Amino acid sequence: MEKMRQVRAWFFEQDGGWYVQCRYGSKVLDLGKGNAVFVKELKDVEGALEAFLVATQQGELDAAIEAALSKRKAA
């Protein structure tokens, strides 16, 4: 059975620039200094998303993912 699901954007405009969040499922990951990276221009969002991809591939976000999963189990 297929279900329609809303896919949330990983970035949004605010404060004269763009905030980019890294998500695991519907959870926003804590990146240590908050839950978003700020970039000044929309064209820079792609670079931030690519940095998240590289960090994920290198295991740098494993702890943040574990924390998001443990919060889900506790709830």
N, C-alpha and C. Protein backbone atom coordinates (compact mmCIF):
# COMPACT_ATOMS: atom_id res chain seq x y z
N MET A 1 0.83 -1.17 0.00
CA MET A 1 0.00 0.00 0.00
C MET A 1 0.89 1.25 0.00
N GLU A 2 0.66 2.14 -0.92
CA GLU A 2 1.43 3.36 -1.02
C GLU A 2 0.73 4.50 -0.29
N LYS A 3 1.51 5.34 0.38
CA LYS A 3 0.99 6.49 1.09
C LYS A 3 1.67 7.75 0.58
N MET A 4 0.92 8.80 0.45
CA MET A 4 1.50 10.09 0.11
C MET A 4 2.13 10.68 1.37
N ARG A 5 3.34 11.17 1.25
CA ARG A 5 4.01 11.78 2.39
C ARG A 5 4.55 13.13 1.98
N GLN A 6 4.48 14.05 2.89
CA GLN A 6 5.04 15.37 2.65
C GLN A 6 6.54 15.31 2.93
N VAL A 7 7.32 15.80 1.99
CA VAL A 7 8.76 15.88 2.18
C VAL A 7 9.08 17.31 2.59
N ARG A 8 9.69 17.45 3.73
CA ARG A 8 10.01 18.78 4.23
C ARG A 8 11.32 19.26 3.64
N ALA A 9 11.37 20.54 3.35
CA ALA A 9 12.60 21.13 2.82
C ALA A 9 13.68 21.12 3.90
N TRP A 10 14.92 20.99 3.48
CA TRP A 10 16.05 21.00 4.39
C TRP A 10 16.60 22.40 4.57
N PHE A 11 15.98 23.39 3.95
CA PHE A 11 16.48 24.76 4.06
C PHE A 11 15.31 25.74 4.03
N PHE A 12 15.54 26.91 4.62
CA PHE A 12 14.51 27.95 4.64
C PHE A 12 15.17 29.31 4.73
N GLU A 13 14.45 30.32 4.23
CA GLU A 13 14.97 31.68 4.20
C GLU A 13 14.59 32.42 5.48
N GLN A 14 15.59 33.09 6.08
CA GLN A 14 15.35 33.86 7.29
C GLN A 14 16.59 34.69 7.60
N ASP A 15 16.43 35.82 8.25
CA ASP A 15 17.54 36.67 8.69
C ASP A 15 18.46 37.12 7.56
N GLY A 16 17.91 37.33 6.38
CA GLY A 16 18.71 37.82 5.27
C GLY A 16 19.59 36.77 4.61
N GLY A 17 19.29 35.51 4.84
CA GLY A 17 20.05 34.41 4.24
C GLY A 17 19.24 33.13 4.31
N TRP A 18 19.94 32.03 4.27
CA TRP A 18 19.28 30.72 4.25
C TRP A 18 19.85 29.83 5.35
N TYR A 19 18.98 29.12 6.05
CA TYR A 19 19.38 28.13 7.04
C TYR A 19 19.21 26.76 6.41
N VAL A 20 20.23 25.92 6.56
CA VAL A 20 20.21 24.57 6.00
C VAL A 20 20.29 23.59 7.17
N GLN A 21 19.34 22.67 7.23
CA GLN A 21 19.29 21.67 8.29
C GLN A 21 19.60 20.30 7.72
N CYS A 22 20.20 19.47 8.56
CA CYS A 22 20.44 18.08 8.19
C CYS A 22 19.38 17.24 8.90
N ARG A 23 18.68 16.42 8.16
CA ARG A 23 17.58 15.63 8.72
C ARG A 23 17.87 14.13 8.63
N TYR A 24 17.33 13.41 9.60
CA TYR A 24 17.31 11.96 9.57
C TYR A 24 15.85 11.59 9.71
N GLY A 25 15.23 11.20 8.61
CA GLY A 25 13.79 11.00 8.60
C GLY A 25 13.12 12.34 8.82
N SER A 26 12.25 12.41 9.81
CA SER A 26 11.58 13.68 10.10
C SER A 26 12.30 14.49 11.17
N LYS A 27 13.37 13.94 11.73
CA LYS A 27 14.10 14.60 12.81
C LYS A 27 15.21 15.48 12.27
N VAL A 28 15.32 16.68 12.83
CA VAL A 28 16.43 17.57 12.51
C VAL A 28 17.58 17.20 13.43
N LEU A 29 18.76 16.97 12.85
CA LEU A 29 19.92 16.57 13.64
C LEU A 29 20.56 17.78 14.32
N ASP A 30 21.02 17.56 15.55
CA ASP A 30 21.78 18.57 16.27
C ASP A 30 23.22 18.50 15.76
N LEU A 31 23.72 19.61 15.26
CA LEU A 31 25.05 19.64 14.67
C LEU A 31 26.13 20.12 15.63
N GLY A 32 25.79 20.22 16.91
CA GLY A 32 26.77 20.65 17.90
C GLY A 32 26.66 22.13 18.22
N LYS A 33 26.51 22.95 17.22
CA LYS A 33 26.35 24.39 17.41
C LYS A 33 24.97 24.81 16.90
N GLY A 34 23.97 24.06 17.29
CA GLY A 34 22.61 24.32 16.81
C GLY A 34 22.19 23.25 15.83
N ASN A 35 21.07 23.48 15.17
CA ASN A 35 20.57 22.46 14.26
C ASN A 35 20.54 22.93 12.81
N ALA A 36 21.27 24.03 12.50
CA ALA A 36 21.28 24.52 11.13
C ALA A 36 22.60 25.24 10.82
N VAL A 37 22.89 25.30 9.55
CA VAL A 37 24.04 26.05 9.04
C VAL A 37 23.48 27.24 8.28
N PHE A 38 24.06 28.42 8.49
CA PHE A 38 23.58 29.63 7.83
C PHE A 38 24.46 29.94 6.62
N VAL A 39 23.82 30.20 5.49
CA VAL A 39 24.52 30.65 4.28
C VAL A 39 23.83 31.92 3.79
N LYS A 40 24.59 32.82 3.17
CA LYS A 40 24.05 34.11 2.76
C LYS A 40 23.18 34.04 1.50
N GLU A 41 23.53 33.15 0.58
CA GLU A 41 22.82 33.13 -0.70
C GLU A 41 22.27 31.74 -1.01
N LEU A 42 21.19 31.71 -1.76
CA LEU A 42 20.54 30.46 -2.12
C LEU A 42 21.49 29.53 -2.85
N LYS A 43 22.37 30.07 -3.67
CA LYS A 43 23.31 29.22 -4.42
C LYS A 43 24.25 28.46 -3.50
N ASP A 44 24.43 28.92 -2.26
CA ASP A 44 25.33 28.26 -1.31
C ASP A 44 24.67 27.10 -0.58
N VAL A 45 23.35 26.96 -0.69
CA VAL A 45 22.64 25.85 -0.05
C VAL A 45 23.16 24.51 -0.58
N GLU A 46 23.40 24.43 -1.88
CA GLU A 46 23.89 23.19 -2.48
C GLU A 46 25.21 22.74 -1.84
N GLY A 47 26.12 23.67 -1.61
CA GLY A 47 27.39 23.34 -0.98
C GLY A 47 27.22 22.81 0.43
N ALA A 48 26.28 23.39 1.18
CA ALA A 48 26.02 22.92 2.54
C ALA A 48 25.44 21.51 2.52
N LEU A 49 24.53 21.24 1.58
CA LEU A 49 23.96 19.90 1.47
C LEU A 49 25.02 18.88 1.07
N GLU A 50 25.93 19.28 0.18
CA GLU A 50 27.03 18.39 -0.21
C GLU A 50 27.95 18.11 0.97
N ALA A 51 28.19 19.12 1.82
CA ALA A 51 29.01 18.92 3.01
C ALA A 51 28.35 17.92 3.96
N PHE A 52 27.01 18.00 4.09
CA PHE A 52 26.29 17.01 4.90
C PHE A 52 26.46 15.61 4.33
N LEU A 53 26.40 15.49 3.02
CA LEU A 53 26.57 14.18 2.38
C LEU A 53 27.94 13.61 2.68
N VAL A 54 28.98 14.40 2.52
CA VAL A 54 30.35 13.94 2.79
C VAL A 54 30.51 13.56 4.26
N ALA A 55 29.98 14.40 5.16
CA ALA A 55 30.07 14.10 6.59
C ALA A 55 29.36 12.79 6.92
N THR A 56 28.23 12.55 6.29
CA THR A 56 27.50 11.30 6.51
C THR A 56 28.31 10.10 6.01
N GLN A 57 28.86 10.22 4.83
CA GLN A 57 29.66 9.13 4.26
C GLN A 57 30.88 8.81 5.10
N GLN A 58 31.44 9.81 5.78
CA GLN A 58 32.62 9.62 6.60
C GLN A 58 32.29 9.27 8.05
N GLY A 59 31.01 9.13 8.35
CA GLY A 59 30.58 8.73 9.69
C GLY A 59 30.58 9.86 10.71
N GLU A 60 30.74 11.09 10.26
CA GLU A 60 30.82 12.22 11.18
C GLU A 60 29.48 12.57 11.82
N LEU A 61 28.39 12.11 11.26
CA LEU A 61 27.07 12.42 11.81
C LEU A 61 26.46 11.24 12.57
N ASP A 62 27.23 10.17 12.74
CA ASP A 62 26.71 8.98 13.42
C ASP A 62 26.20 9.29 14.83
N ALA A 63 26.95 10.09 15.58
CA ALA A 63 26.53 10.41 16.96
C ALA A 63 25.23 11.22 16.96
N ALA A 64 25.10 12.15 16.02
CA ALA A 64 23.87 12.95 15.94
C ALA A 64 22.68 12.08 15.55
N ILE A 65 22.91 11.11 14.67
CA ILE A 65 21.84 10.19 14.27
C ILE A 65 21.44 9.31 15.45
N GLU A 66 22.42 8.80 16.19
CA GLU A 66 22.13 7.99 17.38
C GLU A 66 21.32 8.79 18.39
N ALA A 67 21.67 10.06 18.59
CA ALA A 67 20.94 10.90 19.54
C ALA A 67 19.49 11.09 19.07
N ALA A 68 19.29 11.29 17.77
CA ALA A 68 17.93 11.46 17.25
C ALA A 68 17.13 10.18 17.44
N LEU A 69 17.77 9.04 17.23
CA LEU A 69 17.07 7.75 17.42
C LEU A 69 16.74 7.50 18.87
N SER A 70 17.64 7.85 19.78
CA SER A 70 17.37 7.62 21.20
C SER A 70 16.25 8.53 21.69
N LYS A 71 16.14 9.75 21.15
CA LYS A 71 15.03 10.64 21.51
C LYS A 71 13.72 10.05 21.03
N ARG A 72 13.73 9.41 19.85
CA ARG A 72 12.51 8.80 19.30
C ARG A 72 12.07 7.65 20.20
N LYS A 73 13.03 6.82 20.65
CA LYS A 73 12.68 5.67 21.49
C LYS A 73 12.17 6.12 22.85
N ALA A 74 12.72 7.23 23.38
CA ALA A 74 12.30 7.73 24.68
C ALA A 74 10.90 8.33 24.65
N ALA A 75 10.50 8.81 23.50
CA ALA A 75 9.17 9.47 23.39
C ALA A 75 8.04 8.50 23.31
